[in-house]
Amino acid sequence: MRYFVQQGDCLSSIAKHFGFGDWRTIYEHPGNSAFRQLRPNPNLIFPNDELFIPELSPRQDPASTGAKHKFVLSGVHA
């Protein structure tokens, strides 16, 4: 999917909006190689910049029923 940066966006907010825990998932995707050449500093993006948003693939962890499991959410603080 293609996304055009809006005023006030940052890569972290775009990633969060689309369900990603880390902005690098979008920025470093091969579909954004032209964007990375245009914007080598990921902190400087501008309205109307075009980004490719990859599909979100849900993670599945095996866990048996009837037992306690602890899942830890990891991510990058913006």
PDB file of N, CA and C in Angstrom:
ATOM      1  N   MET A   1       0.838  -1.173   0.000  1.00  0.00           N
ATOM      2  CA  MET A   1       0.000   0.000   0.000  1.00  0.00           C
ATOM      3  C   MET A   1       0.886   1.239   0.000  1.00  0.00           C
ATOM      4  N   ARG A   2       0.446   2.245  -0.656  1.00  0.00           N
ATOM      5  CA  ARG A   2       1.177   3.515  -0.707  1.00  0.00           C
ATOM      6  C   ARG A   2       0.545   4.491   0.283  1.00  0.00           C
ATOM      7  N   TYR A   3       1.407   5.262   0.945  1.00  0.00           N
ATOM      8  CA  TYR A   3       0.945   6.269   1.902  1.00  0.00           C
ATOM      9  C   TYR A   3       1.680   7.558   1.607  1.00  0.00           C
ATOM     10  N   PHE A   4       0.958   8.660   1.600  1.00  0.00           N
ATOM     11  CA  PHE A   4       1.559   9.973   1.405  1.00  0.00           C
ATOM     12  C   PHE A   4       1.620  10.677   2.746  1.00  0.00           C
ATOM     13  N   VAL A   5       2.811  11.103   3.120  1.00  0.00           N
ATOM     14  CA  VAL A   5       3.046  11.759   4.402  1.00  0.00           C
ATOM     15  C   VAL A   5       2.181  13.006   4.506  1.00  0.00           C
ATOM     16  N   GLN A   6       1.564  13.162   5.669  1.00  0.00           N
ATOM     17  CA  GLN A   6       0.719  14.326   5.966  1.00  0.00           C
ATOM     18  C   GLN A   6       1.473  15.276   6.908  1.00  0.00           C
ATOM     19  N   GLN A   7       1.057  16.504   6.953  1.00  0.00           N
ATOM     20  CA  GLN A   7       1.628  17.484   7.875  1.00  0.00           C
ATOM     21  C   GLN A   7       1.525  16.942   9.300  1.00  0.00           C
ATOM     22  N   GLY A   8       2.616  16.957  10.045  1.00  0.00           N
ATOM     23  CA  GLY A   8       2.625  16.493  11.431  1.00  0.00           C
ATOM     24  C   GLY A   8       3.009  15.035  11.593  1.00  0.00           C
ATOM     25  N   ASP A   9       3.127  14.282  10.496  1.00  0.00           N
ATOM     26  CA  ASP A   9       3.532  12.875  10.564  1.00  0.00           C
ATOM     27  C   ASP A   9       5.012  12.751  10.896  1.00  0.00           C
ATOM     28  N   CYS A  10       5.358  11.650  11.517  1.00  0.00           N
ATOM     29  CA  CYS A  10       6.739  11.209  11.650  1.00  0.00           C
ATOM     30  C   CYS A  10       6.706   9.709  11.401  1.00  0.00           C
ATOM     31  N   LEU A  11       7.851   9.106  11.160  1.00  0.00           N
ATOM     32  CA  LEU A  11       7.858   7.675  10.859  1.00  0.00           C
ATOM     33  C   LEU A  11       7.304   6.851  12.019  1.00  0.00           C
ATOM     34  N   SER A  12       7.547   7.281  13.246  1.00  0.00           N
ATOM     35  CA  SER A  12       7.014   6.552  14.404  1.00  0.00           C
ATOM     36  C   SER A  12       5.494   6.590  14.439  1.00  0.00           C
ATOM     37  N   SER A  13       4.910   7.748  14.171  1.00  0.00           N
ATOM     38  CA  SER A  13       3.446   7.847  14.199  1.00  0.00           C
ATOM     39  C   SER A  13       2.818   7.079  13.037  1.00  0.00           C
ATOM     40  N   ILE A  14       3.474   7.077  11.885  1.00  0.00           N
ATOM     41  CA  ILE A  14       2.966   6.318  10.738  1.00  0.00           C
ATOM     42  C   ILE A  14       3.023   4.820  11.054  1.00  0.00           C
ATOM     43  N   ALA A  15       4.138   4.376  11.608  1.00  0.00           N
ATOM     44  CA  ALA A  15       4.277   2.959  11.963  1.00  0.00           C
ATOM     45  C   ALA A  15       3.215   2.556  12.986  1.00  0.00           C
ATOM     46  N   LYS A  16       3.001   3.382  13.986  1.00  0.00           N
ATOM     47  CA  LYS A  16       1.994   3.078  15.005  1.00  0.00           C
ATOM     48  C   LYS A  16       0.599   3.020  14.386  1.00  0.00           C
ATOM     49  N   HIS A  17       0.297   3.942  13.501  1.00  0.00           N
ATOM     50  CA  HIS A  17      -1.010   3.990  12.842  1.00  0.00           C
ATOM     51  C   HIS A  17      -1.299   2.696  12.076  1.00  0.00           C
ATOM     52  N   PHE A  18      -0.263   2.126  11.466  1.00  0.00           N
ATOM     53  CA  PHE A  18      -0.445   0.912  10.680  1.00  0.00           C
ATOM     54  C   PHE A  18      -0.156  -0.366  11.473  1.00  0.00           C
ATOM     55  N   GLY A  19       0.101  -0.240  12.779  1.00  0.00           N
ATOM     56  CA  GLY A  19       0.238  -1.410  13.644  1.00  0.00           C
ATOM     57  C   GLY A  19       1.641  -1.956  13.798  1.00  0.00           C
ATOM     58  N   PHE A  20       2.649  -1.209  13.390  1.00  0.00           N
ATOM     59  CA  PHE A  20       4.032  -1.653  13.533  1.00  0.00           C
ATOM     60  C   PHE A  20       4.626  -1.104  14.820  1.00  0.00           C
ATOM     61  N   GLY A  21       5.440  -1.900  15.482  1.00  0.00           N
ATOM     62  CA  GLY A  21       6.062  -1.480  16.730  1.00  0.00           C
ATOM     63  C   GLY A  21       7.333  -0.671  16.529  1.00  0.00           C
ATOM     64  N   ASP A  22       7.880  -0.714  15.326  1.00  0.00           N
ATOM     65  CA  ASP A  22       9.156  -0.056  15.062  1.00  0.00           C
ATOM     66  C   ASP A  22       9.085   0.623  13.690  1.00  0.00           C
ATOM     67  N   TRP A  23       9.437   1.885  13.622  1.00  0.00           N
ATOM     68  CA  TRP A  23       9.386   2.636  12.369  1.00  0.00           C
ATOM     69  C   TRP A  23      10.363   2.091  11.338  1.00  0.00           C
ATOM     70  N   ARG A  24      11.413   1.406  11.804  1.00  0.00           N
ATOM     71  CA  ARG A  24      12.424   0.871  10.889  1.00  0.00           C
ATOM     72  C   ARG A  24      11.840  -0.184   9.943  1.00  0.00           C
ATOM     73  N   THR A  25      10.768  -0.855  10.385  1.00  0.00           N
ATOM     74  CA  THR A  25      10.113  -1.854   9.537  1.00  0.00           C
ATOM     75  C   THR A  25       9.643  -1.217   8.239  1.00  0.00           C
ATOM     76  N   ILE A  26       9.148  -0.014   8.319  1.00  0.00           N
ATOM     77  CA  ILE A  26       8.689   0.701   7.123  1.00  0.00           C
ATOM     78  C   ILE A  26       9.879   1.336   6.397  1.00  0.00           C
ATOM     79  N   TYR A  27      10.697   2.064   7.122  1.00  0.00           N
ATOM     80  CA  TYR A  27      11.801   2.809   6.507  1.00  0.00           C
ATOM     81  C   TYR A  27      12.787   1.893   5.786  1.00  0.00           C
ATOM     82  N   GLU A  28      13.090   0.738   6.361  1.00  0.00           N
ATOM     83  CA  GLU A  28      14.102  -0.156   5.798  1.00  0.00           C
ATOM     84  C   GLU A  28      13.528  -1.181   4.823  1.00  0.00           C
ATOM     85  N   HIS A  29      12.229  -1.145   4.557  1.00  0.00           N
ATOM     86  CA  HIS A  29      11.622  -2.083   3.617  1.00  0.00           C
ATOM     87  C   HIS A  29      12.170  -1.810   2.216  1.00  0.00           C
ATOM     88  N   PRO A  30      12.450  -2.879   1.441  1.00  0.00           N
ATOM     89  CA  PRO A  30      12.977  -2.680   0.081  1.00  0.00           C
ATOM     90  C   PRO A  30      12.085  -1.808  -0.811  1.00  0.00           C
ATOM     91  N   GLY A  31      10.795  -1.784  -0.541  1.00  0.00           N
ATOM     92  CA  GLY A  31       9.888  -0.945  -1.318  1.00  0.00           C
ATOM     93  C   GLY A  31      10.095   0.537  -1.091  1.00  0.00           C
ATOM     94  N   ASN A  32      10.894   0.901  -0.096  1.00  0.00           N
ATOM     95  CA  ASN A  32      11.167   2.307   0.209  1.00  0.00           C
ATOM     96  C   ASN A  32      12.610   2.703  -0.089  1.00  0.00           C
ATOM     97  N   SER A  33      13.272   1.967  -0.973  1.00  0.00           N
ATOM     98  CA  SER A  33      14.670   2.292  -1.283  1.00  0.00           C
ATOM     99  C   SER A  33      14.800   3.679  -1.916  1.00  0.00           C
ATOM    100  N   ALA A  34      13.884   4.040  -2.807  1.00  0.00           N
ATOM    101  CA  ALA A  34      13.936   5.382  -3.415  1.00  0.00           C
ATOM    102  C   ALA A  34      13.683   6.458  -2.367  1.00  0.00           C
ATOM    103  N   PHE A  35      12.785   6.179  -1.431  1.00  0.00           N
ATOM    104  CA  PHE A  35      12.511   7.128  -0.349  1.00  0.00           C
ATOM    105  C   PHE A  35      13.755   7.323   0.516  1.00  0.00           C
ATOM    106  N   ARG A  36      14.454   6.223   0.823  1.00  0.00           N
ATOM    107  CA  ARG A  36      15.672   6.329   1.650  1.00  0.00           C
ATOM    108  C   ARG A  36      16.750   7.141   0.940  1.00  0.00           C
ATOM    109  N   GLN A  37      16.831   7.025  -0.384  1.00  0.00           N
ATOM    110  CA  GLN A  37      17.806   7.839  -1.130  1.00  0.00           C
ATOM    111  C   GLN A  37      17.418   9.314  -1.089  1.00  0.00           C
ATOM    112  N   LEU A  38      16.118   9.585  -1.190  1.00  0.00           N
ATOM    113  CA  LEU A  38      15.628  10.958  -1.136  1.00  0.00           C
ATOM    114  C   LEU A  38      15.753  11.542   0.265  1.00  0.00           C
ATOM    115  N   ARG A  39      15.478  10.723   1.270  1.00  0.00           N
ATOM    116  CA  ARG A  39      15.503  11.152   2.676  1.00  0.00           C
ATOM    117  C   ARG A  39      16.423  10.237   3.487  1.00  0.00           C
ATOM    118  N   PRO A  40      17.751  10.430   3.383  1.00  0.00           N
ATOM    119  CA  PRO A  40      18.679   9.568   4.127  1.00  0.00           C
ATOM    120  C   PRO A  40      18.592   9.755   5.647  1.00  0.00           C
ATOM    121  N   ASN A  41      18.063  10.882   6.079  1.00  0.00           N
ATOM    122  CA  ASN A  41      17.844  11.112   7.505  1.00  0.00           C
ATOM    123  C   ASN A  41      16.367  10.818   7.795  1.00  0.00           C
ATOM    124  N   PRO A  42      16.056   9.705   8.489  1.00  0.00           N
ATOM    125  CA  PRO A  42      14.655   9.352   8.715  1.00  0.00           C
ATOM    126  C   PRO A  42      13.904  10.340   9.601  1.00  0.00           C
ATOM    127  N   ASN A  43      14.610  11.257  10.226  1.00  0.00           N
ATOM    128  CA  ASN A  43      13.947  12.272  11.056  1.00  0.00           C
ATOM    129  C   ASN A  43      13.448  13.456  10.238  1.00  0.00           C
ATOM    130  N   LEU A  44      13.822  13.510   8.965  1.00  0.00           N
ATOM    131  CA  LEU A  44      13.399  14.611   8.099  1.00  0.00           C
ATOM    132  C   LEU A  44      12.549  14.060   6.965  1.00  0.00           C
ATOM    133  N   ILE A  45      11.245  14.068   7.178  1.00  0.00           N
ATOM    134  CA  ILE A  45      10.311  13.690   6.121  1.00  0.00           C
ATOM    135  C   ILE A  45       9.378  14.880   5.907  1.00  0.00           C
ATOM    136  N   PHE A  46       8.774  14.932   4.725  1.00  0.00           N
ATOM    137  CA  PHE A  46       7.974  16.097   4.375  1.00  0.00           C
ATOM    138  C   PHE A  46       6.610  15.686   3.834  1.00  0.00           C
ATOM    139  N   PRO A  47       5.617  16.562   3.984  1.00  0.00           N
ATOM    140  CA  PRO A  47       4.301  16.265   3.418  1.00  0.00           C
ATOM    141  C   PRO A  47       4.408  15.906   1.936  1.00  0.00           C
ATOM    142  N   ASN A  48       3.605  14.950   1.547  1.00  0.00           N
ATOM    143  CA  ASN A  48       3.532  14.412   0.188  1.00  0.00           C
ATOM    144  C   ASN A  48       4.669  13.460  -0.168  1.00  0.00           C
ATOM    145  N   ASP A  49       5.622  13.211   0.745  1.00  0.00           N
ATOM    146  CA  ASP A  49       6.572  12.126   0.509  1.00  0.00           C
ATOM    147  C   ASP A  49       5.772  10.831   0.431  1.00  0.00           C
ATOM    148  N   GLU A  50       6.171   9.954  -0.476  1.00  0.00           N
ATOM    149  CA  GLU A  50       5.443   8.701  -0.684  1.00  0.00           C
ATOM    150  C   GLU A  50       6.193   7.549  -0.033  1.00  0.00           C
ATOM    151  N   LEU A  51       5.469   6.780   0.784  1.00  0.00           N
ATOM    152  CA  LEU A  51       6.029   5.618   1.462  1.00  0.00           C
ATOM    153  C   LEU A  51       5.284   4.358   1.059  1.00  0.00           C
ATOM    154  N   PHE A  52       6.008   3.269   0.987  1.00  0.00           N
ATOM    155  CA  PHE A  52       5.366   1.965   0.809  1.00  0.00           C
ATOM    156  C   PHE A  52       5.145   1.384   2.200  1.00  0.00           C
ATOM    157  N   ILE A  53       3.918   0.975   2.482  1.00  0.00           N
ATOM    158  CA  ILE A  53       3.594   0.366   3.769  1.00  0.00           C
ATOM    159  C   ILE A  53       3.422  -1.136   3.531  1.00  0.00           C
ATOM    160  N   PRO A  54       4.321  -1.953   4.092  1.00  0.00           N
ATOM    161  CA  PRO A  54       4.191  -3.400   3.888  1.00  0.00           C
ATOM    162  C   PRO A  54       2.985  -3.949   4.651  1.00  0.00           C
ATOM    163  N   GLU A  55       2.551  -5.133   4.244  1.00  0.00           N
ATOM    164  CA  GLU A  55       1.449  -5.771   4.950  1.00  0.00           C
ATOM    165  C   GLU A  55       1.914  -6.179   6.341  1.00  0.00           C
ATOM    166  N   LEU A  56       1.033  -6.029   7.277  1.00  0.00           N
ATOM    167  CA  LEU A  56       1.315  -6.419   8.656  1.00  0.00           C
ATOM    168  C   LEU A  56       1.050  -7.910   8.779  1.00  0.00           C
ATOM    169  N   SER A  57       2.077  -8.657   9.141  1.00  0.00           N
ATOM    170  CA  SER A  57       1.883 -10.093   9.318  1.00  0.00           C
ATOM    171  C   SER A  57       1.807 -10.394  10.812  1.00  0.00           C
ATOM    172  N   PRO A  58       0.680 -10.925  11.249  1.00  0.00           N
ATOM    173  CA  PRO A  58       0.529 -11.194  12.678  1.00  0.00           C
ATOM    174  C   PRO A  58       1.504 -12.266  13.154  1.00  0.00           C
ATOM    175  N   ARG A  59       1.964 -12.091  14.347  1.00  0.00           N
ATOM    176  CA  ARG A  59       2.891 -13.042  14.941  1.00  0.00           C
ATOM    177  C   ARG A  59       2.096 -14.074  15.727  1.00  0.00           C
ATOM    178  N   GLN A  60       2.512 -15.319  15.609  1.00  0.00           N
ATOM    179  CA  GLN A  60       1.861 -16.373  16.364  1.00  0.00           C
ATOM    180  C   GLN A  60       2.920 -17.103  17.178  1.00  0.00           C
ATOM    181  N   ASP A  61       2.685 -17.192  18.474  1.00  0.00           N
ATOM    182  CA  ASP A  61       3.573 -17.920  19.363  1.00  0.00           C
ATOM    183  C   ASP A  61       2.822 -19.120  19.917  1.00  0.00           C
ATOM    184  N   PRO A  62       3.427 -20.295  19.835  1.00  0.00           N
ATOM    185  CA  PRO A  62       2.750 -21.464  20.385  1.00  0.00           C
ATOM    186  C   PRO A  62       2.658 -21.378  21.904  1.00  0.00           C
ATOM    187  N   ALA A  63       1.490 -21.692  22.422  1.00  0.00           N
ATOM    188  CA  ALA A  63       1.280 -21.681  23.873  1.00  0.00           C
ATOM    189  C   ALA A  63       0.178 -22.685  24.196  1.00  0.00           C
ATOM    190  N   SER A  64       0.427 -23.498  25.168  1.00  0.00           N
ATOM    191  CA  SER A  64      -0.558 -24.516  25.522  1.00  0.00           C
ATOM    192  C   SER A  64      -1.691 -23.894  26.335  1.00  0.00           C
ATOM    193  N   THR A  65      -2.860 -24.475  26.188  1.00  0.00           N
ATOM    194  CA  THR A  65      -4.002 -23.985  26.950  1.00  0.00           C
ATOM    195  C   THR A  65      -3.926 -24.506  28.376  1.00  0.00           C
ATOM    196  N   GLY A  66      -4.538 -23.781  29.287  1.00  0.00           N
ATOM    197  CA  GLY A  66      -4.560 -24.197  30.684  1.00  0.00           C
ATOM    198  C   GLY A  66      -3.286 -23.900  31.443  1.00  0.00           C
ATOM    199  N   ALA A  67      -2.367 -23.167  30.850  1.00  0.00           N
ATOM    200  CA  ALA A  67      -1.113 -22.818  31.518  1.00  0.00           C
ATOM    201  C   ALA A  67      -0.939 -21.303  31.470  1.00  0.00           C
ATOM    202  N   LYS A  68      -0.103 -20.788  32.370  1.00  0.00           N
ATOM    203  CA  LYS A  68       0.200 -19.354  32.367  1.00  0.00           C
ATOM    204  C   LYS A  68       1.364 -19.091  31.433  1.00  0.00           C
ATOM    205  N   HIS A  69       1.246 -18.005  30.693  1.00  0.00           N
ATOM    206  CA  HIS A  69       2.310 -17.605  29.775  1.00  0.00           C
ATOM    207  C   HIS A  69       2.541 -16.110  29.932  1.00  0.00           C
ATOM    208  N   LYS A  70       3.795 -15.723  29.813  1.00  0.00           N
ATOM    209  CA  LYS A  70       4.138 -14.307  29.910  1.00  0.00           C
ATOM    210  C   LYS A  70       4.680 -13.862  28.555  1.00  0.00           C
ATOM    211  N   PHE A  71       4.005 -12.882  27.962  1.00  0.00           N
ATOM    212  CA  PHE A  71       4.439 -12.317  26.697  1.00  0.00           C
ATOM    213  C   PHE A  71       4.911 -10.894  26.958  1.00  0.00           C
ATOM    214  N   VAL A  72       6.051 -10.554  26.404  1.00  0.00           N
ATOM    215  CA  VAL A  72       6.628  -9.230  26.607  1.00  0.00           C
ATOM    216  C   VAL A  72       6.622  -8.511  25.263  1.00  0.00           C
ATOM    217  N   LEU A  73       6.006  -7.345  25.259  1.00  0.00           N
ATOM    218  CA  LEU A  73       5.959  -6.511  24.076  1.00  0.00           C
ATOM    219  C   LEU A  73       7.216  -5.675  24.016  1.00  0.00           C
ATOM    220  N   SER A  74       7.933  -5.793  22.911  1.00  0.00           N
ATOM    221  CA  SER A  74       9.149  -4.991  22.760  1.00  0.00           C
ATOM    222  C   SER A  74       8.919  -3.987  21.640  1.00  0.00           C
ATOM    223  N   GLY A  75       9.577  -2.891  21.737  1.00  0.00           N
ATOM    224  CA  GLY A  75       9.453  -1.860  20.725  1.00  0.00           C
ATOM    225  C   GLY A  75      10.478  -0.779  20.972  1.00  0.00           C
ATOM    226  N   VAL A  76      10.508   0.169  20.098  1.00  0.00           N
ATOM    227  CA  VAL A  76      11.445   1.270  20.190  1.00  0.00           C
ATOM    228  C   VAL A  76      10.690   2.496  20.674  1.00  0.00           C
ATOM    229  N   HIS A  77      11.203   3.145  21.702  1.00  0.00           N
ATOM    230  CA  HIS A  77      10.580   4.368  22.192  1.00  0.00           C
ATOM    231  C   HIS A  77      10.965   5.519  21.285  1.00  0.00           C
ATOM    232  N   ALA A  78       9.974   6.255  20.870  1.00  0.00           N
ATOM    233  CA  ALA A  78      10.225   7.387  19.971  1.00  0.00           C
ATOM    234  C   ALA A  78      10.487   8.645  20.775  1.00  0.00           C
TER     235      ALA A  78
END
